[in-house]
């Protein structure tokens, strides 16, 4: 039977406390680095889609960067169900960020809204028994989450209180994030989308606690690389109540991904400045809005340019074609429409 929060024993061991210090340092540096990028949507769009791709891959929803960015263009002639699922993820993440930015709390209704945006259904919490977590290779049941609707509601109400009321537990916020993730995945309150919703909750919680200003710490890449261990450590808590290994795993993920993200943001920032200097020195139509467009949309199109710059379709097309001719963008055709790729940005995002 799944226990309610809070955890009664002290799980902040010496090893955990030591790891907390370095995880917090890396996270604080990441929070500061964000201010070096001129437009926050650049990071939310580019890093958010990266996370959406990776988080979906944890659930074996596999797609490519090319498909994801094409899906974002909404051009005729492109259909990819997996890319659409990834688009739903970024939409759910942005919705969650808006919800918590306004009030700095995360309610069960918010969590239901996030999952609804992700799955494009209104099923809400599970009402029917029969859900079990199985080993994908052997088919054997590894874990059976709570089955009764009343128990799911009771446990989620308890979790909601644990998330929002800091008087319940004085554990470090990073430890609490790891506990919340374990508890949510163990309740498994939805028919579908529990893993991805849980990973969205992770980063929203860090924003709620002012450890980040934007939802840009995405742990899914670390989880993919250590997928077997991720599931093993969650199960270890259920079977033996051993929290230390799970907490160390999550803190290592926070530290490592913070450092990788800091490095990536630095490279994006350098490329933005390089483009800024080229555009400003060579084109009369240079503007900050133009620069933002080229980095907010690694794949852009005439309509995006029209909207962002407030220019006519003919003018937007002219600007884009000049940038293609001079090698700053690459032009591709899909169906009846054209799209334009910032290849150097894409190389950074795909780590080429």
C-alpha atoms as a PDB file:
ATOM      1  CA  UNK A   1       0.000   0.000   0.000  1.00  0.00           C
ATOM      2  CA  UNK A   2       1.371   3.410  -1.012  1.00  0.00           C
ATOM      3  CA  UNK A   3       2.125   5.645   1.977  1.00  0.00           C
ATOM      4  CA  UNK A   4       0.972   9.244   2.198  1.00  0.00           C
ATOM      5  CA  UNK A   5       3.300  12.221   2.517  1.00  0.00           C
ATOM      6  CA  UNK A   6       5.263  13.389   4.435  1.00  0.00           C
ATOM      7  CA  UNK A   7       8.011  10.784   4.820  1.00  0.00           C
ATOM      8  CA  UNK A   8       8.583  10.268   8.525  1.00  0.00           C
ATOM      9  CA  UNK A   9      12.266   9.287   8.448  1.00  0.00           C
ATOM     10  CA  UNK A  10      15.201  11.581   7.689  1.00  0.00           C
ATOM     11  CA  UNK A  11      16.263  10.713   4.144  1.00  0.00           C
ATOM     12  CA  UNK A  12      18.778  13.566   3.778  1.00  0.00           C
ATOM     13  CA  UNK A  13      21.846  11.413   4.453  1.00  0.00           C
ATOM     14  CA  UNK A  14      25.440  12.702   4.419  1.00  0.00           C
ATOM     15  CA  UNK A  15      25.849  11.594   0.801  1.00  0.00           C
ATOM     16  CA  UNK A  16      22.611  13.341  -0.179  1.00  0.00           C
ATOM     17  CA  UNK A  17      23.573  16.578   1.608  1.00  0.00           C
ATOM     18  CA  UNK A  18      26.965  16.599  -0.119  1.00  0.00           C
ATOM     19  CA  UNK A  19      25.326  16.074  -3.525  1.00  0.00           C
ATOM     20  CA  UNK A  20      22.722  18.757  -2.772  1.00  0.00           C
ATOM     21  CA  UNK A  21      25.441  21.398  -2.485  1.00  0.00           C
ATOM     22  CA  UNK A  22      26.862  20.765  -5.965  1.00  0.00           C
ATOM     23  CA  UNK A  23      23.389  20.352  -7.560  1.00  0.00           C
ATOM     24  CA  UNK A  24      22.289  23.718  -6.134  1.00  0.00           C
ATOM     25  CA  UNK A  25      25.473  25.414  -7.383  1.00  0.00           C
ATOM     26  CA  UNK A  26      24.913  24.187 -10.933  1.00  0.00           C
ATOM     27  CA  UNK A  27      21.215  25.099 -10.852  1.00  0.00           C
ATOM     28  CA  UNK A  28      21.948  28.622  -9.539  1.00  0.00           C
ATOM     29  CA  UNK A  29      24.451  29.157 -12.351  1.00  0.00           C
ATOM     30  CA  UNK A  30      21.852  28.011 -14.891  1.00  0.00           C
ATOM     31  CA  UNK A  31      19.303  30.452 -13.467  1.00  0.00           C
ATOM     32  CA  UNK A  32      21.789  33.301 -13.947  1.00  0.00           C
ATOM     33  CA  UNK A  33      22.826  32.324 -17.482  1.00  0.00           C
ATOM     34  CA  UNK A  34      19.226  32.672 -18.728  1.00  0.00           C
ATOM     35  CA  UNK A  35      19.519  36.467 -18.445  1.00  0.00           C
ATOM     36  CA  UNK A  36      22.212  36.499 -21.142  1.00  0.00           C
ATOM     37  CA  UNK A  37      19.665  35.552 -23.845  1.00  0.00           C
ATOM     38  CA  UNK A  38      17.681  38.565 -25.126  1.00  0.00           C
ATOM     39  CA  UNK A  39      14.290  36.859 -25.500  1.00  0.00           C
ATOM     40  CA  UNK A  40      12.999  34.150 -23.150  1.00  0.00           C
ATOM     41  CA  UNK A  41      10.914  32.548 -25.920  1.00  0.00           C
ATOM     42  CA  UNK A  42      14.150  31.575 -27.668  1.00  0.00           C
ATOM     43  CA  UNK A  43      14.998  29.235 -24.793  1.00  0.00           C
ATOM     44  CA  UNK A  44      11.462  28.009 -24.109  1.00  0.00           C
ATOM     45  CA  UNK A  45      10.927  27.131 -27.772  1.00  0.00           C
ATOM     46  CA  UNK A  46      14.303  25.581 -28.531  1.00  0.00           C
ATOM     47  CA  UNK A  47      15.101  23.817 -25.230  1.00  0.00           C
ATOM     48  CA  UNK A  48      11.427  23.051 -24.615  1.00  0.00           C
ATOM     49  CA  UNK A  49      11.128  21.144 -27.865  1.00  0.00           C
ATOM     50  CA  UNK A  50      14.349  19.319 -27.045  1.00  0.00           C
ATOM     51  CA  UNK A  51      12.826  18.168 -23.759  1.00  0.00           C
ATOM     52  CA  UNK A  52       9.523  17.308 -25.410  1.00  0.00           C
ATOM     53  CA  UNK A  53      11.384  15.046 -27.836  1.00  0.00           C
ATOM     54  CA  UNK A  54      13.390  13.353 -25.074  1.00  0.00           C
ATOM     55  CA  UNK A  55      10.516  12.991 -22.611  1.00  0.00           C
ATOM     56  CA  UNK A  56       8.393  11.402 -25.326  1.00  0.00           C
ATOM     57  CA  UNK A  57      11.284   9.077 -26.207  1.00  0.00           C
ATOM     58  CA  UNK A  58      11.272   7.764 -22.613  1.00  0.00           C
ATOM     59  CA  UNK A  59       7.760   6.500 -23.458  1.00  0.00           C
ATOM     60  CA  UNK A  60       8.999   5.086 -26.794  1.00  0.00           C
ATOM     61  CA  UNK A  61       7.394   7.899 -28.820  1.00  0.00           C
ATOM     62  CA  UNK A  62      10.291   8.369 -31.207  1.00  0.00           C
ATOM     63  CA  UNK A  63      10.620  11.270 -33.624  1.00  0.00           C
ATOM     64  CA  UNK A  64      13.304  13.456 -35.212  1.00  0.00           C
ATOM     65  CA  UNK A  65      14.160  17.124 -34.733  1.00  0.00           C
ATOM     66  CA  UNK A  66      13.311  17.656 -38.387  1.00  0.00           C
ATOM     67  CA  UNK A  67       9.794  16.232 -37.932  1.00  0.00           C
ATOM     68  CA  UNK A  68       9.169  18.224 -34.740  1.00  0.00           C
ATOM     69  CA  UNK A  69      10.074  21.559 -36.290  1.00  0.00           C
ATOM     70  CA  UNK A  70       8.142  20.757 -39.459  1.00  0.00           C
ATOM     71  CA  UNK A  71       5.096  19.988 -37.313  1.00  0.00           C
ATOM     72  CA  UNK A  72       5.510  23.420 -35.701  1.00  0.00           C
ATOM     73  CA  UNK A  73       5.175  25.034 -39.145  1.00  0.00           C
ATOM     74  CA  UNK A  74       1.688  23.564 -39.814  1.00  0.00           C
ATOM     75  CA  UNK A  75       2.430  23.270 -43.521  1.00  0.00           C
ATOM     76  CA  UNK A  76       0.334  21.210 -45.933  1.00  0.00           C
ATOM     77  CA  UNK A  77       1.814  17.872 -46.875  1.00  0.00           C
ATOM     78  CA  UNK A  78       3.328  17.027 -43.483  1.00  0.00           C
ATOM     79  CA  UNK A  79       1.847  14.381 -41.206  1.00  0.00           C
ATOM     80  CA  UNK A  80       3.595  12.742 -38.251  1.00  0.00           C
ATOM     81  CA  UNK A  81       1.594  11.419 -35.314  1.00  0.00           C
ATOM     82  CA  UNK A  82       4.705  11.148 -33.138  1.00  0.00           C
ATOM     83  CA  UNK A  83       5.754  14.734 -33.911  1.00  0.00           C
ATOM     84  CA  UNK A  84       2.209  15.822 -33.030  1.00  0.00           C
ATOM     85  CA  UNK A  85       2.533  14.071 -29.652  1.00  0.00           C
ATOM     86  CA  UNK A  86       5.752  15.984 -29.042  1.00  0.00           C
ATOM     87  CA  UNK A  87       4.000  19.238 -30.014  1.00  0.00           C
ATOM     88  CA  UNK A  88       1.307  18.408 -27.444  1.00  0.00           C
ATOM     89  CA  UNK A  89       4.060  18.062 -24.822  1.00  0.00           C
ATOM     90  CA  UNK A  90       5.496  21.535 -25.449  1.00  0.00           C
ATOM     91  CA  UNK A  91       1.958  22.924 -25.396  1.00  0.00           C
ATOM     92  CA  UNK A  92       1.304  21.200 -22.028  1.00  0.00           C
ATOM     93  CA  UNK A  93       4.606  22.515 -20.627  1.00  0.00           C
ATOM     94  CA  UNK A  94       3.767  26.084 -21.651  1.00  0.00           C
ATOM     95  CA  UNK A  95       0.275  25.762 -20.181  1.00  0.00           C
ATOM     96  CA  UNK A  96       1.728  24.525 -16.890  1.00  0.00           C
ATOM     97  CA  UNK A  97       4.248  27.383 -16.837  1.00  0.00           C
ATOM     98  CA  UNK A  98       1.444  29.930 -17.342  1.00  0.00           C
ATOM     99  CA  UNK A  99      -0.658  28.347 -14.573  1.00  0.00           C
ATOM    100  CA  UNK A 100       2.093  28.383 -11.941  1.00  0.00           C
ATOM    101  CA  UNK A 101       3.513  31.771 -13.005  1.00  0.00           C
ATOM    102  CA  UNK A 102       0.257  33.429 -12.077  1.00  0.00           C
ATOM    103  CA  UNK A 103      -0.154  31.952  -8.601  1.00  0.00           C
ATOM    104  CA  UNK A 104       3.013  30.009  -7.615  1.00  0.00           C
ATOM    105  CA  UNK A 105       1.008  26.948  -6.584  1.00  0.00           C
ATOM    106  CA  UNK A 106       0.288  23.706  -8.453  1.00  0.00           C
ATOM    107  CA  UNK A 107      -3.151  22.224  -7.813  1.00  0.00           C
ATOM    108  CA  UNK A 108      -4.641  18.908  -8.881  1.00  0.00           C
ATOM    109  CA  UNK A 109      -6.855  20.817 -11.308  1.00  0.00           C
ATOM    110  CA  UNK A 110      -3.695  22.281 -12.866  1.00  0.00           C
ATOM    111  CA  UNK A 111      -2.165  18.797 -13.146  1.00  0.00           C
ATOM    112  CA  UNK A 112      -5.354  17.524 -14.818  1.00  0.00           C
ATOM    113  CA  UNK A 113      -5.220  20.479 -17.264  1.00  0.00           C
ATOM    114  CA  UNK A 114      -1.569  19.738 -18.098  1.00  0.00           C
ATOM    115  CA  UNK A 115      -2.322  16.048 -18.746  1.00  0.00           C
ATOM    116  CA  UNK A 116      -5.404  16.968 -20.772  1.00  0.00           C
ATOM    117  CA  UNK A 117      -3.290  19.246 -22.985  1.00  0.00           C
ATOM    118  CA  UNK A 118      -0.751  16.450 -23.352  1.00  0.00           C
ATOM    119  CA  UNK A 119      -3.185  13.660 -24.211  1.00  0.00           C
ATOM    120  CA  UNK A 120      -5.895  15.795 -25.848  1.00  0.00           C
ATOM    121  CA  UNK A 121      -8.621  14.140 -23.782  1.00  0.00           C
ATOM    122  CA  UNK A 122     -10.697  14.961 -20.714  1.00  0.00           C
ATOM    123  CA  UNK A 123     -10.462  11.561 -18.993  1.00  0.00           C
ATOM    124  CA  UNK A 124      -9.154  12.999 -15.704  1.00  0.00           C
ATOM    125  CA  UNK A 125      -7.976  10.686 -12.916  1.00  0.00           C
ATOM    126  CA  UNK A 126      -8.425   6.926 -13.382  1.00  0.00           C
ATOM    127  CA  UNK A 127     -11.883   5.690 -12.405  1.00  0.00           C
ATOM    128  CA  UNK A 128     -11.619   2.042 -13.519  1.00  0.00           C
ATOM    129  CA  UNK A 129      -9.321  -0.641 -12.044  1.00  0.00           C
ATOM    130  CA  UNK A 130      -6.933  -2.667 -14.187  1.00  0.00           C
ATOM    131  CA  UNK A 131      -3.848  -0.419 -14.525  1.00  0.00           C
ATOM    132  CA  UNK A 132      -0.527  -2.182 -13.940  1.00  0.00           C
ATOM    133  CA  UNK A 133       3.073  -1.306 -14.826  1.00  0.00           C
ATOM    134  CA  UNK A 134       4.650  -4.141 -16.795  1.00  0.00           C
ATOM    135  CA  UNK A 135       8.106  -5.108 -17.961  1.00  0.00           C
ATOM    136  CA  UNK A 136       8.001  -4.302 -21.692  1.00  0.00           C
ATOM    137  CA  UNK A 137      10.201  -7.314 -22.529  1.00  0.00           C
ATOM    138  CA  UNK A 138       8.781 -10.080 -20.314  1.00  0.00           C
ATOM    139  CA  UNK A 139       5.237  -8.730 -19.884  1.00  0.00           C
ATOM    140  CA  UNK A 140       5.298  -9.461 -16.150  1.00  0.00           C
ATOM    141  CA  UNK A 141       3.675  -6.974 -13.750  1.00  0.00           C
ATOM    142  CA  UNK A 142       6.362  -4.965 -11.957  1.00  0.00           C
ATOM    143  CA  UNK A 143       4.098  -2.696  -9.926  1.00  0.00           C
ATOM    144  CA  UNK A 144       0.379  -2.281  -9.362  1.00  0.00           C
ATOM    145  CA  UNK A 145      -0.567   1.335  -8.503  1.00  0.00           C
ATOM    146  CA  UNK A 146      -3.675   2.194  -6.428  1.00  0.00           C
ATOM    147  CA  UNK A 147      -6.774   0.907  -8.220  1.00  0.00           C
ATOM    148  CA  UNK A 148      -9.743   2.538  -6.506  1.00  0.00           C
ATOM    149  CA  UNK A 149     -10.798   6.016  -7.626  1.00  0.00           C
ATOM    150  CA  UNK A 150     -11.366   7.085  -4.004  1.00  0.00           C
ATOM    151  CA  UNK A 151      -7.812   6.060  -3.067  1.00  0.00           C
ATOM    152  CA  UNK A 152      -6.325   7.892  -6.077  1.00  0.00           C
ATOM    153  CA  UNK A 153      -8.237  11.053  -5.121  1.00  0.00           C
ATOM    154  CA  UNK A 154      -7.126  10.723  -1.488  1.00  0.00           C
ATOM    155  CA  UNK A 155      -3.454  10.243  -2.401  1.00  0.00           C
ATOM    156  CA  UNK A 156      -3.479  13.060  -4.987  1.00  0.00           C
ATOM    157  CA  UNK A 157      -5.088  15.448  -2.470  1.00  0.00           C
ATOM    158  CA  UNK A 158      -2.339  14.542  -0.030  1.00  0.00           C
ATOM    159  CA  UNK A 159       0.313  15.082  -2.716  1.00  0.00           C
ATOM    160  CA  UNK A 160      -1.220  18.448  -3.681  1.00  0.00           C
ATOM    161  CA  UNK A 161      -0.886  19.559  -0.067  1.00  0.00           C
ATOM    162  CA  UNK A 162       2.722  18.298   0.089  1.00  0.00           C
ATOM    163  CA  UNK A 163       3.617  20.225  -3.095  1.00  0.00           C
ATOM    164  CA  UNK A 164       2.185  23.534  -1.913  1.00  0.00           C
ATOM    165  CA  UNK A 165       2.498  23.615   1.887  1.00  0.00           C
ATOM    166  CA  UNK A 166       6.127  23.939   2.988  1.00  0.00           C
ATOM    167  CA  UNK A 167       5.230  23.545   6.654  1.00  0.00           C
ATOM    168  CA  UNK A 168       4.541  19.829   6.065  1.00  0.00           C
ATOM    169  CA  UNK A 169       8.188  18.990   5.426  1.00  0.00           C
ATOM    170  CA  UNK A 170      11.456  20.862   5.827  1.00  0.00           C
ATOM    171  CA  UNK A 171      13.375  18.811   3.262  1.00  0.00           C
ATOM    172  CA  UNK A 172      15.431  20.715   0.695  1.00  0.00           C
ATOM    173  CA  UNK A 173      13.350  21.692  -2.397  1.00  0.00           C
ATOM    174  CA  UNK A 174      15.441  19.449  -4.662  1.00  0.00           C
ATOM    175  CA  UNK A 175      14.815  16.503  -2.360  1.00  0.00           C
ATOM    176  CA  UNK A 176      11.120  17.404  -2.334  1.00  0.00           C
ATOM    177  CA  UNK A 177      11.076  17.487  -6.140  1.00  0.00           C
ATOM    178  CA  UNK A 178      12.472  13.947  -6.222  1.00  0.00           C
ATOM    179  CA  UNK A 179       9.931  12.793  -3.610  1.00  0.00           C
ATOM    180  CA  UNK A 180       7.052  14.406  -5.537  1.00  0.00           C
ATOM    181  CA  UNK A 181       8.174  12.677  -8.736  1.00  0.00           C
ATOM    182  CA  UNK A 182       8.323   9.286  -6.999  1.00  0.00           C
ATOM    183  CA  UNK A 183       4.920   9.741  -5.367  1.00  0.00           C
ATOM    184  CA  UNK A 184       3.211  10.970  -8.534  1.00  0.00           C
ATOM    185  CA  UNK A 185       4.596   8.115 -10.649  1.00  0.00           C
ATOM    186  CA  UNK A 186       3.603   5.623  -7.945  1.00  0.00           C
ATOM    187  CA  UNK A 187       0.037   6.940  -7.697  1.00  0.00           C
ATOM    188  CA  UNK A 188      -0.027   6.837 -11.530  1.00  0.00           C
ATOM    189  CA  UNK A 189      -3.281   8.806 -11.469  1.00  0.00           C
ATOM    190  CA  UNK A 190      -4.028   8.890 -15.218  1.00  0.00           C
ATOM    191  CA  UNK A 191      -4.733   6.224 -17.811  1.00  0.00           C
ATOM    192  CA  UNK A 192      -2.044   7.748 -20.069  1.00  0.00           C
ATOM    193  CA  UNK A 193       0.698  10.384 -19.913  1.00  0.00           C
ATOM    194  CA  UNK A 194       1.823   9.840 -16.294  1.00  0.00           C
ATOM    195  CA  UNK A 195       5.558   9.805 -17.089  1.00  0.00           C
ATOM    196  CA  UNK A 196       5.488  12.925 -19.235  1.00  0.00           C
ATOM    197  CA  UNK A 197       3.159  14.799 -16.850  1.00  0.00           C
ATOM    198  CA  UNK A 198       5.461  13.860 -13.955  1.00  0.00           C
ATOM    199  CA  UNK A 199       8.497  15.235 -15.780  1.00  0.00           C
ATOM    200  CA  UNK A 200       6.671  18.505 -16.498  1.00  0.00           C
ATOM    201  CA  UNK A 201       5.820  18.757 -12.779  1.00  0.00           C
ATOM    202  CA  UNK A 202       9.560  18.427 -11.964  1.00  0.00           C
ATOM    203  CA  UNK A 203      10.574  21.600 -13.767  1.00  0.00           C
ATOM    204  CA  UNK A 204       7.432  23.530 -12.763  1.00  0.00           C
ATOM    205  CA  UNK A 205       8.224  22.809  -9.109  1.00  0.00           C
ATOM    206  CA  UNK A 206      11.713  24.320  -9.525  1.00  0.00           C
ATOM    207  CA  UNK A 207      10.127  27.472 -10.997  1.00  0.00           C
ATOM    208  CA  UNK A 208       7.597  27.593  -8.134  1.00  0.00           C
ATOM    209  CA  UNK A 209      10.466  27.509  -5.642  1.00  0.00           C
ATOM    210  CA  UNK A 210      12.312  30.319  -7.522  1.00  0.00           C
ATOM    211  CA  UNK A 211      15.227  28.010  -8.296  1.00  0.00           C
ATOM    212  CA  UNK A 212      14.605  28.815 -11.972  1.00  0.00           C
ATOM    213  CA  UNK A 213      12.732  31.639 -13.699  1.00  0.00           C
ATOM    214  CA  UNK A 214      12.004  29.670 -16.868  1.00  0.00           C
ATOM    215  CA  UNK A 215      11.142  25.978 -17.256  1.00  0.00           C
ATOM    216  CA  UNK A 216      14.397  25.010 -18.954  1.00  0.00           C
ATOM    217  CA  UNK A 217      15.957  22.259 -16.811  1.00  0.00           C
ATOM    218  CA  UNK A 218      14.926  19.105 -18.595  1.00  0.00           C
ATOM    219  CA  UNK A 219      15.907  15.824 -16.997  1.00  0.00           C
ATOM    220  CA  UNK A 220      14.503  13.514 -19.673  1.00  0.00           C
ATOM    221  CA  UNK A 221      17.799  13.230 -21.554  1.00  0.00           C
ATOM    222  CA  UNK A 222      19.510  11.967 -18.406  1.00  0.00           C
ATOM    223  CA  UNK A 223      16.608   9.589 -17.776  1.00  0.00           C
ATOM    224  CA  UNK A 224      16.846   8.171 -21.333  1.00  0.00           C
ATOM    225  CA  UNK A 225      20.565   7.539 -20.889  1.00  0.00           C
ATOM    226  CA  UNK A 226      19.864   5.803 -17.552  1.00  0.00           C
ATOM    227  CA  UNK A 227      16.374   4.452 -18.229  1.00  0.00           C
ATOM    228  CA  UNK A 228      16.915   1.033 -16.644  1.00  0.00           C
ATOM    229  CA  UNK A 229      18.315   2.572 -13.474  1.00  0.00           C
ATOM    230  CA  UNK A 230      15.497   5.170 -13.325  1.00  0.00           C
ATOM    231  CA  UNK A 231      12.790   2.490 -13.176  1.00  0.00           C
ATOM    232  CA  UNK A 232      14.893   0.220 -10.919  1.00  0.00           C
ATOM    233  CA  UNK A 233      15.410   2.961  -8.302  1.00  0.00           C
ATOM    234  CA  UNK A 234      11.717   3.934  -8.257  1.00  0.00           C
ATOM    235  CA  UNK A 235      10.865   0.274  -7.651  1.00  0.00           C
ATOM    236  CA  UNK A 236      13.576  -0.010  -4.979  1.00  0.00           C
ATOM    237  CA  UNK A 237      11.772   2.597  -2.834  1.00  0.00           C
ATOM    238  CA  UNK A 238       8.479   0.696  -3.187  1.00  0.00           C
ATOM    239  CA  UNK A 239      10.089  -2.585  -2.175  1.00  0.00           C
ATOM    240  CA  UNK A 240      12.740  -1.625   0.400  1.00  0.00           C
ATOM    241  CA  UNK A 241      12.035   2.038   1.310  1.00  0.00           C
ATOM    242  CA  UNK A 242      15.596   2.902   0.207  1.00  0.00           C
ATOM    243  CA  UNK A 243      15.492   6.591  -0.736  1.00  0.00           C
ATOM    244  CA  UNK A 244      19.204   7.413  -0.843  1.00  0.00           C
ATOM    245  CA  UNK A 245      20.013   5.907  -4.266  1.00  0.00           C
ATOM    246  CA  UNK A 246      16.965   7.555  -5.872  1.00  0.00           C
ATOM    247  CA  UNK A 247      17.790  10.978  -4.422  1.00  0.00           C
ATOM    248  CA  UNK A 248      21.430  10.726  -5.516  1.00  0.00           C
ATOM    249  CA  UNK A 249      20.258   9.740  -9.017  1.00  0.00           C
ATOM    250  CA  UNK A 250      17.948  12.760  -9.306  1.00  0.00           C
ATOM    251  CA  UNK A 251      20.508  15.189  -7.851  1.00  0.00           C
ATOM    252  CA  UNK A 252      23.143  13.925 -10.280  1.00  0.00           C
ATOM    253  CA  UNK A 253      20.619  14.452 -13.094  1.00  0.00           C
ATOM    254  CA  UNK A 254      19.983  18.048 -11.949  1.00  0.00           C
ATOM    255  CA  UNK A 255      23.706  18.818 -11.698  1.00  0.00           C
ATOM    256  CA  UNK A 256      24.719  17.202 -14.977  1.00  0.00           C
ATOM    257  CA  UNK A 257      21.849  18.573 -17.070  1.00  0.00           C
ATOM    258  CA  UNK A 258      22.301  22.064 -15.531  1.00  0.00           C
ATOM    259  CA  UNK A 259      25.944  22.059 -16.646  1.00  0.00           C
ATOM    260  CA  UNK A 260      25.091  20.779 -20.131  1.00  0.00           C
ATOM    261  CA  UNK A 261      22.327  23.390 -20.496  1.00  0.00           C
ATOM    262  CA  UNK A 262      24.658  26.202 -19.355  1.00  0.00           C
ATOM    263  CA  UNK A 263      27.123  25.147 -22.055  1.00  0.00           C
ATOM    264  CA  UNK A 264      24.402  24.960 -24.722  1.00  0.00           C
ATOM    265  CA  UNK A 265      22.958  28.372 -23.790  1.00  0.00           C
ATOM    266  CA  UNK A 266      26.466  29.837 -24.020  1.00  0.00           C
ATOM    267  CA  UNK A 267      26.815  28.478 -27.565  1.00  0.00           C
ATOM    268  CA  UNK A 268      23.361  29.774 -28.547  1.00  0.00           C
ATOM    269  CA  UNK A 269      24.224  33.199 -27.080  1.00  0.00           C
ATOM    270  CA  UNK A 270      27.490  33.357 -29.062  1.00  0.00           C
ATOM    271  CA  UNK A 271      25.666  32.451 -32.264  1.00  0.00           C
ATOM    272  CA  UNK A 272      22.990  35.090 -31.600  1.00  0.00           C
ATOM    273  CA  UNK A 273      25.697  37.769 -31.213  1.00  0.00           C
ATOM    274  CA  UNK A 274      27.450  36.578 -34.365  1.00  0.00           C
ATOM    275  CA  UNK A 275      24.191  36.803 -36.348  1.00  0.00           C
ATOM    276  CA  UNK A 276      23.391  40.149 -34.758  1.00  0.00           C
ATOM    277  CA  UNK A 277      26.683  41.643 -35.928  1.00  0.00           C
ATOM    278  CA  UNK A 278      26.306  40.228 -39.457  1.00  0.00           C
ATOM    279  CA  UNK A 279      22.690  41.421 -39.777  1.00  0.00           C
ATOM    280  CA  UNK A 280      23.320  44.857 -38.271  1.00  0.00           C
ATOM    281  CA  UNK A 281      26.381  45.528 -40.445  1.00  0.00           C
ATOM    282  CA  UNK A 282      24.966  44.274 -43.750  1.00  0.00           C
ATOM    283  CA  UNK A 283      21.192  44.672 -43.862  1.00  0.00           C
ATOM    284  CA  UNK A 284      19.087  47.820 -43.632  1.00  0.00           C
ATOM    285  CA  UNK A 285      16.130  45.683 -42.523  1.00  0.00           C
ATOM    286  CA  UNK A 286      17.956  44.440 -39.392  1.00  0.00           C
ATOM    287  CA  UNK A 287      15.895  44.599 -36.192  1.00  0.00           C
ATOM    288  CA  UNK A 288      15.855  42.848 -32.830  1.00  0.00           C
ATOM    289  CA  UNK A 289      12.530  41.258 -33.842  1.00  0.00           C
ATOM    290  CA  UNK A 290      14.186  39.758 -36.926  1.00  0.00           C
ATOM    291  CA  UNK A 291      17.016  38.336 -34.825  1.00  0.00           C
ATOM    292  CA  UNK A 292      14.548  36.912 -32.293  1.00  0.00           C
ATOM    293  CA  UNK A 293      12.547  35.288 -35.084  1.00  0.00           C
ATOM    294  CA  UNK A 294      15.573  33.456 -36.486  1.00  0.00           C
ATOM    295  CA  UNK A 295      16.381  31.968 -33.058  1.00  0.00           C
ATOM    296  CA  UNK A 296      12.867  31.518 -31.664  1.00  0.00           C
ATOM    297  CA  UNK A 297      11.994  29.424 -34.736  1.00  0.00           C
ATOM    298  CA  UNK A 298      14.915  27.233 -35.866  1.00  0.00           C
ATOM    299  CA  UNK A 299      12.552  26.420 -38.765  1.00  0.00           C
ATOM    300  CA  UNK A 300      10.789  29.653 -39.722  1.00  0.00           C
ATOM    301  CA  UNK A 301       8.321  30.582 -42.445  1.00  0.00           C
ATOM    302  CA  UNK A 302       6.898  33.695 -44.119  1.00  0.00           C
ATOM    303  CA  UNK A 303       3.888  33.833 -41.757  1.00  0.00           C
ATOM    304  CA  UNK A 304       6.113  33.773 -38.651  1.00  0.00           C
ATOM    305  CA  UNK A 305       8.175  36.616 -40.088  1.00  0.00           C
ATOM    306  CA  UNK A 306       5.044  38.617 -41.036  1.00  0.00           C
ATOM    307  CA  UNK A 307       3.687  38.233 -37.506  1.00  0.00           C
ATOM    308  CA  UNK A 308       6.917  38.905 -35.589  1.00  0.00           C
ATOM    309  CA  UNK A 309       8.068  41.895 -37.673  1.00  0.00           C
ATOM    310  CA  UNK A 310       4.658  43.356 -38.549  1.00  0.00           C
ATOM    311  CA  UNK A 311       5.503  43.417 -42.275  1.00  0.00           C
ATOM    312  CA  UNK A 312       3.632  42.315 -45.412  1.00  0.00           C
ATOM    313  CA  UNK A 313       3.916  38.811 -46.841  1.00  0.00           C
ATOM    314  CA  UNK A 314       5.907  40.111 -49.833  1.00  0.00           C
ATOM    315  CA  UNK A 315       8.362  41.945 -47.560  1.00  0.00           C
ATOM    316  CA  UNK A 316       8.780  38.925 -45.255  1.00  0.00           C
ATOM    317  CA  UNK A 317       9.463  36.647 -48.237  1.00  0.00           C
ATOM    318  CA  UNK A 318      12.007  39.143 -49.612  1.00  0.00           C
ATOM    319  CA  UNK A 319      13.909  39.299 -46.283  1.00  0.00           C
ATOM    320  CA  UNK A 320      14.017  35.504 -45.995  1.00  0.00           C
ATOM    321  CA  UNK A 321      15.197  34.979 -49.565  1.00  0.00           C
ATOM    322  CA  UNK A 322      18.029  37.522 -49.110  1.00  0.00           C
ATOM    323  CA  UNK A 323      19.162  35.665 -45.964  1.00  0.00           C
ATOM    324  CA  UNK A 324      19.048  32.368 -47.902  1.00  0.00           C
ATOM    325  CA  UNK A 325      21.091  33.843 -50.783  1.00  0.00           C
ATOM    326  CA  UNK A 326      23.734  35.024 -48.306  1.00  0.00           C
ATOM    327  CA  UNK A 327      23.928  31.653 -46.535  1.00  0.00           C
ATOM    328  CA  UNK A 328      22.362  32.629 -43.178  1.00  0.00           C
ATOM    329  CA  UNK A 329      19.352  30.346 -43.757  1.00  0.00           C
ATOM    330  CA  UNK A 330      18.613  27.289 -45.886  1.00  0.00           C
ATOM    331  CA  UNK A 331      15.376  27.166 -47.897  1.00  0.00           C
ATOM    332  CA  UNK A 332      13.297  23.977 -48.190  1.00  0.00           C
ATOM    333  CA  UNK A 333       9.930  23.202 -49.779  1.00  0.00           C
ATOM    334  CA  UNK A 334       7.095  21.161 -48.244  1.00  0.00           C
ATOM    335  CA  UNK A 335       3.826  20.702 -50.108  1.00  0.00           C
ATOM    336  CA  UNK A 336       2.929  24.109 -51.485  1.00  0.00           C
ATOM    337  CA  UNK A 337       4.943  26.105 -48.925  1.00  0.00           C
ATOM    338  CA  UNK A 338       8.537  27.041 -48.198  1.00  0.00           C
ATOM    339  CA  UNK A 339      10.312  26.958 -44.859  1.00  0.00           C
ATOM    340  CA  UNK A 340      13.693  28.309 -43.802  1.00  0.00           C
ATOM    341  CA  UNK A 341      16.183  26.580 -41.514  1.00  0.00           C
ATOM    342  CA  UNK A 342      18.741  28.237 -39.231  1.00  0.00           C
ATOM    343  CA  UNK A 343      21.195  25.397 -39.797  1.00  0.00           C
ATOM    344  CA  UNK A 344      23.864  26.535 -37.376  1.00  0.00           C
ATOM    345  CA  UNK A 345      21.315  26.763 -34.562  1.00  0.00           C
ATOM    346  CA  UNK A 346      19.970  23.328 -35.472  1.00  0.00           C
ATOM    347  CA  UNK A 347      23.492  21.894 -35.320  1.00  0.00           C
ATOM    348  CA  UNK A 348      23.770  23.161 -31.743  1.00  0.00           C
ATOM    349  CA  UNK A 349      20.375  21.790 -30.734  1.00  0.00           C
ATOM    350  CA  UNK A 350      21.066  18.388 -32.264  1.00  0.00           C
ATOM    351  CA  UNK A 351      24.600  18.470 -30.798  1.00  0.00           C
ATOM    352  CA  UNK A 352      26.352  18.006 -34.131  1.00  0.00           C
END
